Amino acid sequence: MGGTAGTEHLGVRREGATLVLTLNRPEAKNALSLPMLVGLYDGWLEADADDGIRSVVLTGAGGSFCAGMDLKALAGKGMEGEQYRDRLKADPDLHWKAMLRHHRPRKPVIAAVEGY
C-alpha cells in the first residue's frame, strides 16, 4: 500500500514507526461508514506490509471514538462512492476484516479512546 491507505472518513498518518488511523466523521460521532471500513482494512494491510511500521494507533476525531455502525449506511442509504461498493462486492468479508474479526494484524494495535 505504501502510504496510500485512507479515505474521506479515515485519516492515515505516519509518526515514526507508528501508523495512526483516525476515524474522521465527528459530525456523526465517527459512526462506521463504508468508506471508513474500506480505509480501516487498507490501513491494517499497509501496516502488515511495511516492516518499518512497528505499531498501529486507532483513534477518533472530534472528541469521540466511535458510536458504532451508521445505521443509514447499513440500510444502504448514503453509501458514498462507487469504488467502495465495488470493493465490498469483490470481498463480501471486507467489513469483518476491517473490524478485525476476520483479520489479525501483524503489529500491536493500540486504541486511543475518548468520548463515545
PDB file of N, CA and C in Angstrom:
ATOM      1  N   MET A   1       0.824  -1.199   0.000  1.00  0.00           N
ATOM      2  CA  MET A   1       0.000   0.000   0.000  1.00  0.00           C
ATOM      3  C   MET A   1       0.866   1.260   0.000  1.00  0.00           C
ATOM      4  N   GLY A   2       1.970   1.218   0.682  1.00  0.00           N
ATOM      5  CA  GLY A   2       2.942   2.298   0.581  1.00  0.00           C
ATOM      6  C   GLY A   2       2.457   3.665   0.969  1.00  0.00           C
ATOM      7  N   GLY A   3       1.658   3.783   2.039  1.00  0.00           N
ATOM      8  CA  GLY A   3       1.223   5.098   2.495  1.00  0.00           C
ATOM      9  C   GLY A   3       0.005   5.614   1.759  1.00  0.00           C
ATOM     10  N   THR A   4      -0.710   4.773   1.055  1.00  0.00           N
ATOM     11  CA  THR A   4      -1.849   5.243   0.271  1.00  0.00           C
ATOM     12  C   THR A   4      -3.188   4.969   0.934  1.00  0.00           C
ATOM     13  N   ALA A   5      -3.197   4.279   2.076  1.00  0.00           N
ATOM     14  CA  ALA A   5      -4.465   3.995   2.751  1.00  0.00           C
ATOM     15  C   ALA A   5      -5.105   5.304   3.200  1.00  0.00           C
ATOM     16  N   GLY A   6      -6.395   5.264   3.373  1.00  0.00           N
ATOM     17  CA  GLY A   6      -7.138   6.428   3.843  1.00  0.00           C
ATOM     18  C   GLY A   6      -8.269   6.743   2.892  1.00  0.00           C
ATOM     19  N   THR A   7      -9.315   7.307   3.445  1.00  0.00           N
ATOM     20  CA  THR A   7     -10.484   7.716   2.676  1.00  0.00           C
ATOM     21  C   THR A   7     -10.983   9.028   3.255  1.00  0.00           C
ATOM     22  N   GLU A   8     -12.085   9.519   2.719  1.00  0.00           N
ATOM     23  CA  GLU A   8     -12.629  10.759   3.261  1.00  0.00           C
ATOM     24  C   GLU A   8     -13.115  10.611   4.693  1.00  0.00           C
ATOM     25  N   HIS A   9     -13.301   9.382   5.178  1.00  0.00           N
ATOM     26  CA  HIS A   9     -13.752   9.158   6.554  1.00  0.00           C
ATOM     27  C   HIS A   9     -12.701   8.506   7.440  1.00  0.00           C
ATOM     28  N   LEU A  10     -11.507   8.269   6.904  1.00  0.00           N
ATOM     29  CA  LEU A  10     -10.449   7.664   7.697  1.00  0.00           C
ATOM     30  C   LEU A  10      -9.121   8.310   7.347  1.00  0.00           C
ATOM     31  N   GLY A  11      -8.552   8.991   8.333  1.00  0.00           N
ATOM     32  CA  GLY A  11      -7.249   9.607   8.136  1.00  0.00           C
ATOM     33  C   GLY A  11      -6.131   8.633   8.468  1.00  0.00           C
ATOM     34  N   VAL A  12      -5.043   8.716   7.725  1.00  0.00           N
ATOM     35  CA  VAL A  12      -3.877   7.857   7.950  1.00  0.00           C
ATOM     36  C   VAL A  12      -2.652   8.752   7.970  1.00  0.00           C
ATOM     37  N   ARG A  13      -1.844   8.608   9.027  1.00  0.00           N
ATOM     38  CA  ARG A  13      -0.582   9.343   9.062  1.00  0.00           C
ATOM     39  C   ARG A  13       0.462   8.479   9.751  1.00  0.00           C
ATOM     40  N   ARG A  14       1.664   8.745   9.405  1.00  0.00           N
ATOM     41  CA  ARG A  14       2.797   8.014   9.961  1.00  0.00           C
ATOM     42  C   ARG A  14       3.499   8.915  10.951  1.00  0.00           C
ATOM     43  N   GLU A  15       3.742   8.404  12.151  1.00  0.00           N
ATOM     44  CA  GLU A  15       4.527   9.108  13.169  1.00  0.00           C
ATOM     45  C   GLU A  15       5.655   8.176  13.586  1.00  0.00           C
ATOM     46  N   GLY A  16       6.801   8.355  12.952  1.00  0.00           N
ATOM     47  CA  GLY A  16       7.924   7.461  13.208  1.00  0.00           C
ATOM     48  C   GLY A  16       7.574   6.047  12.773  1.00  0.00           C
ATOM     49  N   ALA A  17       7.647   5.119  13.714  1.00  0.00           N
ATOM     50  CA  ALA A  17       7.360   3.721  13.417  1.00  0.00           C
ATOM     51  C   ALA A  17       5.902   3.354  13.707  1.00  0.00           C
ATOM     52  N   THR A  18       5.067   4.365  13.930  1.00  0.00           N
ATOM     53  CA  THR A  18       3.656   4.135  14.258  1.00  0.00           C
ATOM     54  C   THR A  18       2.772   4.647  13.133  1.00  0.00           C
ATOM     55  N   LEU A  19       1.792   3.830  12.751  1.00  0.00           N
ATOM     56  CA  LEU A  19       0.767   4.247  11.804  1.00  0.00           C
ATOM     57  C   LEU A  19      -0.461   4.630  12.621  1.00  0.00           C
ATOM     58  N   VAL A  20      -0.953   5.845  12.427  1.00  0.00           N
ATOM     59  CA  VAL A  20      -2.113   6.337  13.161  1.00  0.00           C
ATOM     60  C   VAL A  20      -3.316   6.350  12.224  1.00  0.00           C
ATOM     61  N   LEU A  21      -4.340   5.600  12.590  1.00  0.00           N
ATOM     62  CA  LEU A  21      -5.596   5.550  11.839  1.00  0.00           C
ATOM     63  C   LEU A  21      -6.626   6.336  12.632  1.00  0.00           C
ATOM     64  N   THR A  22      -7.212   7.370  11.997  1.00  0.00           N
ATOM     65  CA  THR A  22      -8.152   8.241  12.697  1.00  0.00           C
ATOM     66  C   THR A  22      -9.521   8.162  12.053  1.00  0.00           C
ATOM     67  N   LEU A  23     -10.497   7.660  12.822  1.00  0.00           N
ATOM     68  CA  LEU A  23     -11.889   7.670  12.380  1.00  0.00           C
ATOM     69  C   LEU A  23     -12.291   9.140  12.287  1.00  0.00           C
ATOM     70  N   ASN A  24     -12.734   9.587  11.116  1.00  0.00           N
ATOM     71  CA  ASN A  24     -12.906  11.028  10.902  1.00  0.00           C
ATOM     72  C   ASN A  24     -14.292  11.369  10.355  1.00  0.00           C
ATOM     73  N   ARG A  25     -15.290  11.173  11.187  1.00  0.00           N
ATOM     74  CA  ARG A  25     -16.663  11.637  10.912  1.00  0.00           C
ATOM     75  C   ARG A  25     -17.213  12.240  12.196  1.00  0.00           C
ATOM     76  N   PRO A  26     -16.578  13.300  12.703  1.00  0.00           N
ATOM     77  CA  PRO A  26     -17.007  13.825  14.005  1.00  0.00           C
ATOM     78  C   PRO A  26     -18.469  14.272  14.022  1.00  0.00           C
ATOM     79  N   GLU A  27     -18.991  14.692  12.862  1.00  0.00           N
ATOM     80  CA  GLU A  27     -20.394  15.114  12.810  1.00  0.00           C
ATOM     81  C   GLU A  27     -21.352  13.952  13.077  1.00  0.00           C
ATOM     82  N   ALA A  28     -20.869  12.721  12.909  1.00  0.00           N
ATOM     83  CA  ALA A  28     -21.672  11.516  13.163  1.00  0.00           C
ATOM     84  C   ALA A  28     -21.073  10.713  14.316  1.00  0.00           C
ATOM     85  N   LYS A  29     -20.308  11.370  15.181  1.00  0.00           N
ATOM     86  CA  LYS A  29     -19.616  10.714  16.286  1.00  0.00           C
ATOM     87  C   LYS A  29     -18.804   9.509  15.802  1.00  0.00           C
ATOM     88  N   ASN A  30     -18.237   9.675  14.599  1.00  0.00           N
ATOM     89  CA  ASN A  30     -17.373   8.671  13.976  1.00  0.00           C
ATOM     90  C   ASN A  30     -18.059   7.326  13.783  1.00  0.00           C
ATOM     91  N   ALA A  31     -19.359   7.364  13.523  1.00  0.00           N
ATOM     92  CA  ALA A  31     -20.084   6.130  13.203  1.00  0.00           C
ATOM     93  C   ALA A  31     -19.476   5.523  11.944  1.00  0.00           C
ATOM     94  N   LEU A  32     -19.396   4.197  11.932  1.00  0.00           N
ATOM     95  CA  LEU A  32     -18.744   3.497  10.831  1.00  0.00           C
ATOM     96  C   LEU A  32     -19.524   3.628   9.532  1.00  0.00           C
ATOM     97  N   SER A  33     -18.818   3.999   8.480  1.00  0.00           N
ATOM     98  CA  SER A  33     -19.385   4.103   7.136  1.00  0.00           C
ATOM     99  C   SER A  33     -18.605   3.153   6.237  1.00  0.00           C
ATOM    100  N   LEU A  34     -19.115   2.935   5.052  1.00  0.00           N
ATOM    101  CA  LEU A  34     -18.403   2.075   4.111  1.00  0.00           C
ATOM    102  C   LEU A  34     -17.015   2.630   3.778  1.00  0.00           C
ATOM    103  N   PRO A  35     -16.872   3.940   3.487  1.00  0.00           N
ATOM    104  CA  PRO A  35     -15.516   4.457   3.243  1.00  0.00           C
ATOM    105  C   PRO A  35     -14.591   4.273   4.446  1.00  0.00           C
ATOM    106  N   MET A  36     -15.128   4.364   5.650  1.00  0.00           N
ATOM    107  CA  MET A  36     -14.309   4.174   6.843  1.00  0.00           C
ATOM    108  C   MET A  36     -13.854   2.718   6.956  1.00  0.00           C
ATOM    109  N   LEU A  37     -14.751   1.787   6.704  1.00  0.00           N
ATOM    110  CA  LEU A  37     -14.404   0.368   6.788  1.00  0.00           C
ATOM    111  C   LEU A  37     -13.349  -0.013   5.752  1.00  0.00           C
ATOM    112  N   VAL A  38     -13.512   0.485   4.532  1.00  0.00           N
ATOM    113  CA  VAL A  38     -12.519   0.215   3.484  1.00  0.00           C
ATOM    114  C   VAL A  38     -11.169   0.800   3.891  1.00  0.00           C
ATOM    115  N   GLY A  39     -11.164   2.029   4.393  1.00  0.00           N
ATOM    116  CA  GLY A  39      -9.919   2.653   4.832  1.00  0.00           C
ATOM    117  C   GLY A  39      -9.258   1.906   5.977  1.00  0.00           C
ATOM    118  N   LEU A  40     -10.066   1.421   6.919  1.00  0.00           N
ATOM    119  CA  LEU A  40      -9.507   0.652   8.031  1.00  0.00           C
ATOM    120  C   LEU A  40      -8.820  -0.610   7.530  1.00  0.00           C
ATOM    121  N   TYR A  41      -9.507  -1.346   6.681  1.00  0.00           N
ATOM    122  CA  TYR A  41      -8.904  -2.584   6.177  1.00  0.00           C
ATOM    123  C   TYR A  41      -7.617  -2.283   5.416  1.00  0.00           C
ATOM    124  N   ASP A  42      -7.637  -1.260   4.580  1.00  0.00           N
ATOM    125  CA  ASP A  42      -6.419  -0.877   3.856  1.00  0.00           C
ATOM    126  C   ASP A  42      -5.304  -0.475   4.824  1.00  0.00           C
ATOM    127  N   GLY A  43      -5.668   0.190   5.914  1.00  0.00           N
ATOM    128  CA  GLY A  43      -4.676   0.574   6.918  1.00  0.00           C
ATOM    129  C   GLY A  43      -4.042  -0.630   7.589  1.00  0.00           C
ATOM    130  N   TRP A  44      -4.853  -1.637   7.929  1.00  0.00           N
ATOM    131  CA  TRP A  44      -4.294  -2.861   8.529  1.00  0.00           C
ATOM    132  C   TRP A  44      -3.331  -3.536   7.555  1.00  0.00           C
ATOM    133  N   LEU A  45      -3.730  -3.583   6.275  1.00  0.00           N
ATOM    134  CA  LEU A  45      -2.863  -4.204   5.271  1.00  0.00           C
ATOM    135  C   LEU A  45      -1.570  -3.419   5.091  1.00  0.00           C
ATOM    136  N   GLU A  46      -1.675  -2.091   5.107  1.00  0.00           N
ATOM    137  CA  GLU A  46      -0.472  -1.261   4.971  1.00  0.00           C
ATOM    138  C   GLU A  46       0.488  -1.518   6.125  1.00  0.00           C
ATOM    139  N   ALA A  47      -0.021  -1.588   7.330  1.00  0.00           N
ATOM    140  CA  ALA A  47       0.835  -1.844   8.496  1.00  0.00           C
ATOM    141  C   ALA A  47       1.480  -3.224   8.400  1.00  0.00           C
ATOM    142  N   ASP A  48       0.699  -4.209   7.972  1.00  0.00           N
ATOM    143  CA  ASP A  48       1.236  -5.572   7.846  1.00  0.00           C
ATOM    144  C   ASP A  48       2.369  -5.639   6.823  1.00  0.00           C
ATOM    145  N   ALA A  49       2.237  -4.898   5.731  1.00  0.00           N
ATOM    146  CA  ALA A  49       3.184  -4.993   4.620  1.00  0.00           C
ATOM    147  C   ALA A  49       4.471  -4.202   4.845  1.00  0.00           C
ATOM    148  N   ASP A  50       4.466  -3.251   5.770  1.00  0.00           N
ATOM    149  CA  ASP A  50       5.605  -2.353   5.956  1.00  0.00           C
ATOM    150  C   ASP A  50       6.358  -2.725   7.236  1.00  0.00           C
ATOM    151  N   ASP A  51       7.549  -3.284   7.085  1.00  0.00           N
ATOM    152  CA  ASP A  51       8.333  -3.677   8.257  1.00  0.00           C
ATOM    153  C   ASP A  51       8.798  -2.481   9.083  1.00  0.00           C
ATOM    154  N   GLY A  52       8.743  -1.288   8.522  1.00  0.00           N
ATOM    155  CA  GLY A  52       9.101  -0.080   9.268  1.00  0.00           C
ATOM    156  C   GLY A  52       8.020   0.374  10.230  1.00  0.00           C
ATOM    157  N   ILE A  53       6.831  -0.144  10.064  1.00  0.00           N
ATOM    158  CA  ILE A  53       5.735   0.163  10.987  1.00  0.00           C
ATOM    159  C   ILE A  53       5.775  -0.883  12.094  1.00  0.00           C
ATOM    160  N   ARG A  54       5.876  -0.402  13.334  1.00  0.00           N
ATOM    161  CA  ARG A  54       6.012  -1.312  14.478  1.00  0.00           C
ATOM    162  C   ARG A  54       4.750  -1.382  15.326  1.00  0.00           C
ATOM    163  N   SER A  55       3.826  -0.408  15.147  1.00  0.00           N
ATOM    164  CA  SER A  55       2.574  -0.418  15.895  1.00  0.00           C
ATOM    165  C   SER A  55       1.552   0.433  15.159  1.00  0.00           C
ATOM    166  N   VAL A  56       0.283   0.224  15.520  1.00  0.00           N
ATOM    167  CA  VAL A  56      -0.816   0.991  14.936  1.00  0.00           C
ATOM    168  C   VAL A  56      -1.634   1.579  16.076  1.00  0.00           C
ATOM    169  N   VAL A  57      -1.971   2.865  15.965  1.00  0.00           N
ATOM    170  CA  VAL A  57      -2.869   3.515  16.914  1.00  0.00           C
ATOM    171  C   VAL A  57      -4.166   3.805  16.184  1.00  0.00           C
ATOM    172  N   LEU A  58      -5.272   3.386  16.779  1.00  0.00           N
ATOM    173  CA  LEU A  58      -6.603   3.670  16.243  1.00  0.00           C
ATOM    174  C   LEU A  58      -7.269   4.676  17.157  1.00  0.00           C
ATOM    175  N   THR A  59      -7.710   5.789  16.586  1.00  0.00           N
ATOM    176  CA  THR A  59      -8.313   6.853  17.383  1.00  0.00           C
ATOM    177  C   THR A  59      -9.474   7.482  16.620  1.00  0.00           C
ATOM    178  N   GLY A  60     -10.188   8.378  17.272  1.00  0.00           N
ATOM    179  CA  GLY A  60     -11.304   9.079  16.646  1.00  0.00           C
ATOM    180  C   GLY A  60     -11.102  10.580  16.694  1.00  0.00           C
ATOM    181  N   ALA A  61     -11.643  11.274  15.704  1.00  0.00           N
ATOM    182  CA  ALA A  61     -11.531  12.737  15.629  1.00  0.00           C
ATOM    183  C   ALA A  61     -12.697  13.389  16.369  1.00  0.00           C
ATOM    184  N   GLY A  62     -12.465  14.595  16.853  1.00  0.00           N
ATOM    185  CA  GLY A  62     -13.542  15.418  17.382  1.00  0.00           C
ATOM    186  C   GLY A  62     -14.086  15.033  18.743  1.00  0.00           C
ATOM    187  N   GLY A  63     -13.304  14.311  19.561  1.00  0.00           N
ATOM    188  CA  GLY A  63     -13.730  14.022  20.926  1.00  0.00           C
ATOM    189  C   GLY A  63     -14.560  12.759  21.103  1.00  0.00           C
ATOM    190  N   SER A  64     -14.790  12.030  20.025  1.00  0.00           N
ATOM    191  CA  SER A  64     -15.498  10.747  20.119  1.00  0.00           C
ATOM    192  C   SER A  64     -14.635   9.670  19.489  1.00  0.00           C
ATOM    193  N   PHE A  65     -14.721   8.464  20.025  1.00  0.00           N
ATOM    194  CA  PHE A  65     -14.007   7.356  19.398  1.00  0.00           C
ATOM    195  C   PHE A  65     -14.856   6.799  18.268  1.00  0.00           C
ATOM    196  N   CYS A  66     -15.948   6.126  18.578  1.00  0.00           N
ATOM    197  CA  CYS A  66     -16.822   5.572  17.546  1.00  0.00           C
ATOM    198  C   CYS A  66     -18.166   5.225  18.179  1.00  0.00           C
ATOM    199  N   ALA A  67     -19.226   5.718  17.593  1.00  0.00           N
ATOM    200  CA  ALA A  67     -20.572   5.476  18.116  1.00  0.00           C
ATOM    201  C   ALA A  67     -21.196   4.211  17.535  1.00  0.00           C
ATOM    202  N   GLY A  68     -20.427   3.410  16.799  1.00  0.00           N
ATOM    203  CA  GLY A  68     -20.957   2.176  16.229  1.00  0.00           C
ATOM    204  C   GLY A  68     -21.191   2.315  14.739  1.00  0.00           C
ATOM    205  N   MET A  69     -21.991   1.423  14.204  1.00  0.00           N
ATOM    206  CA  MET A  69     -22.288   1.425  12.766  1.00  0.00           C
ATOM    207  C   MET A  69     -23.266   2.539  12.429  1.00  0.00           C
ATOM    208  N   ASP A  70     -23.057   3.178  11.300  1.00  0.00           N
ATOM    209  CA  ASP A  70     -24.000   4.162  10.788  1.00  0.00           C
ATOM    210  C   ASP A  70     -25.203   3.394  10.241  1.00  0.00           C
ATOM    211  N   LEU A  71     -26.331   3.492  10.912  1.00  0.00           N
ATOM    212  CA  LEU A  71     -27.498   2.692  10.542  1.00  0.00           C
ATOM    213  C   LEU A  71     -28.040   3.050   9.165  1.00  0.00           C
ATOM    214  N   LYS A  72     -27.882   4.302   8.740  1.00  0.00           N
ATOM    215  CA  LYS A  72     -28.293   4.674   7.378  1.00  0.00           C
ATOM    216  C   LYS A  72     -27.436   3.934   6.352  1.00  0.00           C
ATOM    217  N   ALA A  73     -26.134   3.862   6.630  1.00  0.00           N
ATOM    218  CA  ALA A  73     -25.245   3.140   5.721  1.00  0.00           C
ATOM    219  C   ALA A  73     -25.584   1.650   5.718  1.00  0.00           C
ATOM    220  N   LEU A  74     -25.908   1.120   6.894  1.00  0.00           N
ATOM    221  CA  LEU A  74     -26.260  -0.292   6.986  1.00  0.00           C
ATOM    222  C   LEU A  74     -27.521  -0.596   6.176  1.00  0.00           C
ATOM    223  N   ALA A  75     -28.447   0.356   6.131  1.00  0.00           N
ATOM    224  CA  ALA A  75     -29.687   0.186   5.373  1.00  0.00           C
ATOM    225  C   ALA A  75     -29.496   0.471   3.883  1.00  0.00           C
ATOM    226  N   GLY A  76     -28.268   0.853   3.490  1.00  0.00           N
ATOM    227  CA  GLY A  76     -27.981   1.107   2.082  1.00  0.00           C
ATOM    228  C   GLY A  76     -28.204   2.548   1.665  1.00  0.00           C
ATOM    229  N   LYS A  77     -28.449   3.438   2.626  1.00  0.00           N
ATOM    230  CA  LYS A  77     -28.640   4.854   2.312  1.00  0.00           C
ATOM    231  C   LYS A  77     -27.352   5.607   2.611  1.00  0.00           C
ATOM    232  N   GLY A  78     -26.984   6.493   1.723  1.00  0.00           N
ATOM    233  CA  GLY A  78     -25.810   7.336   1.960  1.00  0.00           C
ATOM    234  C   GLY A  78     -24.497   6.595   1.862  1.00  0.00           C
ATOM    235  N   MET A  79     -24.456   5.503   1.134  1.00  0.00           N
ATOM    236  CA  MET A  79     -23.200   4.766   0.975  1.00  0.00           C
ATOM    237  C   MET A  79     -22.408   5.425  -0.152  1.00  0.00           C
ATOM    238  N   GLU A  80     -21.451   6.232   0.247  1.00  0.00           N
ATOM    239  CA  GLU A  80     -20.709   7.070  -0.674  1.00  0.00           C
ATOM    240  C   GLU A  80     -19.795   6.261  -1.577  1.00  0.00           C
ATOM    241  N   GLY A  81     -19.675   6.715  -2.820  1.00  0.00           N
ATOM    242  CA  GLY A  81     -18.625   6.262  -3.712  1.00  0.00           C
ATOM    243  C   GLY A  81     -18.768   4.869  -4.272  1.00  0.00           C
ATOM    244  N   GLU A  82     -18.857   4.795  -5.554  1.00  0.00           N
ATOM    245  CA  GLU A  82     -18.972   3.508  -6.239  1.00  0.00           C
ATOM    246  C   GLU A  82     -17.776   2.612  -5.956  1.00  0.00           C
ATOM    247  N   GLN A  83     -16.571   3.190  -5.817  1.00  0.00           N
ATOM    248  CA  GLN A  83     -15.380   2.369  -5.587  1.00  0.00           C
ATOM    249  C   GLN A  83     -15.490   1.583  -4.285  1.00  0.00           C
ATOM    250  N   TYR A  84     -16.192   2.107  -3.296  1.00  0.00           N
ATOM    251  CA  TYR A  84     -16.341   1.392  -2.029  1.00  0.00           C
ATOM    252  C   TYR A  84     -17.331   0.236  -2.167  1.00  0.00           C
ATOM    253  N   ARG A  85     -18.405   0.465  -2.875  1.00  0.00           N
ATOM    254  CA  ARG A  85     -19.359  -0.627  -3.120  1.00  0.00           C
ATOM    255  C   ARG A  85     -18.699  -1.733  -3.928  1.00  0.00           C
ATOM    256  N   ASP A  86     -17.887  -1.351  -4.903  1.00  0.00           N
ATOM    257  CA  ASP A  86     -17.167  -2.341  -5.706  1.00  0.00           C
ATOM    258  C   ASP A  86     -16.214  -3.161  -4.845  1.00  0.00           C
ATOM    259  N   ARG A  87     -15.529  -2.517  -3.906  1.00  0.00           N
ATOM    260  CA  ARG A  87     -14.616  -3.237  -3.011  1.00  0.00           C
ATOM    261  C   ARG A  87     -15.380  -4.231  -2.143  1.00  0.00           C
ATOM    262  N   LEU A  88     -16.545  -3.830  -1.648  1.00  0.00           N
ATOM    263  CA  LEU A  88     -17.352  -4.714  -0.812  1.00  0.00           C
ATOM    264  C   LEU A  88     -17.912  -5.884  -1.625  1.00  0.00           C
ATOM    265  N   LYS A  89     -18.292  -5.622  -2.869  1.00  0.00           N
ATOM    266  CA  LYS A  89     -18.763  -6.708  -3.736  1.00  0.00           C
ATOM    267  C   LYS A  89     -17.634  -7.695  -4.030  1.00  0.00           C
ATOM    268  N   ALA A  90     -16.434  -7.175  -4.245  1.00  0.00           N
ATOM    269  CA  ALA A  90     -15.287  -8.021  -4.551  1.00  0.00           C
ATOM    270  C   ALA A  90     -14.856  -8.847  -3.337  1.00  0.00           C
ATOM    271  N   ASP A  91     -15.068  -8.317  -2.136  1.00  0.00           N
ATOM    272  CA  ASP A  91     -14.703  -9.011  -0.900  1.00  0.00           C
ATOM    273  C   ASP A  91     -15.830  -8.819   0.112  1.00  0.00           C
ATOM    274  N   PRO A  92     -16.859  -9.676   0.074  1.00  0.00           N
ATOM    275  CA  PRO A  92     -18.006  -9.527   0.978  1.00  0.00           C
ATOM    276  C   PRO A  92     -17.636  -9.624   2.459  1.00  0.00           C
ATOM    277  N   ASP A  93     -16.426 -10.081   2.762  1.00  0.00           N
ATOM    278  CA  ASP A  93     -15.962 -10.202   4.142  1.00  0.00           C
ATOM    279  C   ASP A  93     -15.172  -8.968   4.595  1.00  0.00           C
ATOM    280  N   LEU A  94     -15.038  -7.977   3.724  1.00  0.00           N
ATOM    281  CA  LEU A  94     -14.192  -6.809   3.999  1.00  0.00           C
ATOM    282  C   LEU A  94     -14.573  -6.118   5.299  1.00  0.00           C
ATOM    283  N   HIS A  95     -15.855  -5.952   5.574  1.00  0.00           N
ATOM    284  CA  HIS A  95     -16.253  -5.235   6.790  1.00  0.00           C
ATOM    285  C   HIS A  95     -15.810  -5.983   8.056  1.00  0.00           C
ATOM    286  N   TRP A  96     -15.834  -7.317   8.029  1.00  0.00           N
ATOM    287  CA  TRP A  96     -15.358  -8.074   9.188  1.00  0.00           C
ATOM    288  C   TRP A  96     -13.839  -7.990   9.311  1.00  0.00           C
ATOM    289  N   LYS A  97     -13.148  -7.947   8.191  1.00  0.00           N
ATOM    290  CA  LYS A  97     -11.696  -7.780   8.222  1.00  0.00           C
ATOM    291  C   LYS A  97     -11.340  -6.398   8.762  1.00  0.00           C
ATOM    292  N   ALA A  98     -12.075  -5.378   8.362  1.00  0.00           N
ATOM    293  CA  ALA A  98     -11.819  -4.014   8.837  1.00  0.00           C
ATOM    294  C   ALA A  98     -11.990  -3.915  10.349  1.00  0.00           C
ATOM    295  N   MET A  99     -12.951  -4.661  10.880  1.00  0.00           N
ATOM    296  CA  MET A  99     -13.234  -4.606  12.314  1.00  0.00           C
ATOM    297  C   MET A  99     -12.443  -5.661  13.096  1.00  0.00           C
ATOM    298  N   LEU A 100     -11.499  -6.308  12.408  1.00  0.00           N
ATOM    299  CA  LEU A 100     -10.555  -7.260  12.988  1.00  0.00           C
ATOM    300  C   LEU A 100     -11.213  -8.536  13.502  1.00  0.00           C
ATOM    301  N   ARG A 101     -12.387  -8.845  12.995  1.00  0.00           N
ATOM    302  CA  ARG A 101     -12.988 -10.131  13.331  1.00  0.00           C
ATOM    303  C   ARG A 101     -12.365 -11.248  12.489  1.00  0.00           C
ATOM    304  N   HIS A 102     -12.096 -10.935  11.212  1.00  0.00           N
ATOM    305  CA  HIS A 102     -11.535 -11.936  10.307  1.00  0.00           C
ATOM    306  C   HIS A 102     -10.163 -11.540   9.777  1.00  0.00           C
ATOM    307  N   HIS A 103      -9.476 -10.692  10.504  1.00  0.00           N
ATOM    308  CA  HIS A 103      -8.102 -10.305  10.140  1.00  0.00           C
ATOM    309  C   HIS A 103      -7.335 -10.056  11.428  1.00  0.00           C
ATOM    310  N   ARG A 104      -6.153 -10.605  11.512  1.00  0.00           N
ATOM    311  CA  ARG A 104      -5.290 -10.389  12.669  1.00  0.00           C
ATOM    312  C   ARG A 104      -4.065  -9.610  12.223  1.00  0.00           C
ATOM    313  N   PRO A 105      -3.949  -8.341  12.645  1.00  0.00           N
ATOM    314  CA  PRO A 105      -2.764  -7.562  12.274  1.00  0.00           C
ATOM    315  C   PRO A 105      -1.493  -8.192  12.815  1.00  0.00           C
ATOM    316  N   ARG A 106      -0.424  -7.984  12.079  1.00  0.00           N
ATOM    317  CA  ARG A 106       0.896  -8.480  12.493  1.00  0.00           C
ATOM    318  C   ARG A 106       1.557  -7.563  13.510  1.00  0.00           C
ATOM    319  N   LYS A 107       1.023  -6.363  13.684  1.00  0.00           N
ATOM    320  CA  LYS A 107       1.605  -5.370  14.585  1.00  0.00           C
ATOM    321  C   LYS A 107       0.634  -5.109  15.743  1.00  0.00           C
ATOM    322  N   PRO A 108       1.157  -4.678  16.895  1.00  0.00           N
ATOM    323  CA  PRO A 108       0.284  -4.333  18.012  1.00  0.00           C
ATOM    324  C   PRO A 108      -0.631  -3.165  17.638  1.00  0.00           C
ATOM    325  N   VAL A 109      -1.877  -3.239  18.087  1.00  0.00           N
ATOM    326  CA  VAL A 109      -2.876  -2.189  17.847  1.00  0.00           C
ATOM    327  C   VAL A 109      -3.238  -1.576  19.197  1.00  0.00           C
ATOM    328  N   ILE A 110      -3.161  -0.254  19.264  1.00  0.00           N
ATOM    329  CA  ILE A 110      -3.490   0.484  20.476  1.00  0.00           C
ATOM    330  C   ILE A 110      -4.701   1.347  20.169  1.00  0.00           C
ATOM    331  N   ALA A 111      -5.733   1.240  20.984  1.00  0.00           N
ATOM    332  CA  ALA A 111      -6.918   2.086  20.800  1.00  0.00           C
ATOM    333  C   ALA A 111      -6.785   3.280  21.717  1.00  0.00           C
ATOM    334  N   ALA A 112      -6.761   4.477  21.141  1.00  0.00           N
ATOM    335  CA  ALA A 112      -6.733   5.723  21.901  1.00  0.00           C
ATOM    336  C   ALA A 112      -8.169   6.239  21.942  1.00  0.00           C
ATOM    337  N   VAL A 113      -8.876   5.888  23.012  1.00  0.00           N
ATOM    338  CA  VAL A 113     -10.317   6.101  23.107  1.00  0.00           C
ATOM    339  C   VAL A 113     -10.616   7.290  24.002  1.00  0.00           C
ATOM    340  N   GLU A 114     -11.512   8.151  23.511  1.00  0.00           N
ATOM    341  CA  GLU A 114     -12.105   9.183  24.357  1.00  0.00           C
ATOM    342  C   GLU A 114     -13.537   9.379  23.897  1.00  0.00           C
ATOM    343  N   GLY A 115     -14.395   9.787  24.786  1.00  0.00           N
ATOM    344  CA  GLY A 115     -15.800  10.020  24.415  1.00  0.00           C
ATOM    345  C   GLY A 115     -16.513   8.708  24.135  1.00  0.00           C
ATOM    346  N   TYR A 116     -17.437   8.790  23.193  1.00  0.00           N
ATOM    347  CA  TYR A 116     -18.285   7.630  22.874  1.00  0.00           C
ATOM    348  C   TYR A 116     -17.501   6.553  22.187  1.00  0.00           C
TER     349      TYR A 116
END
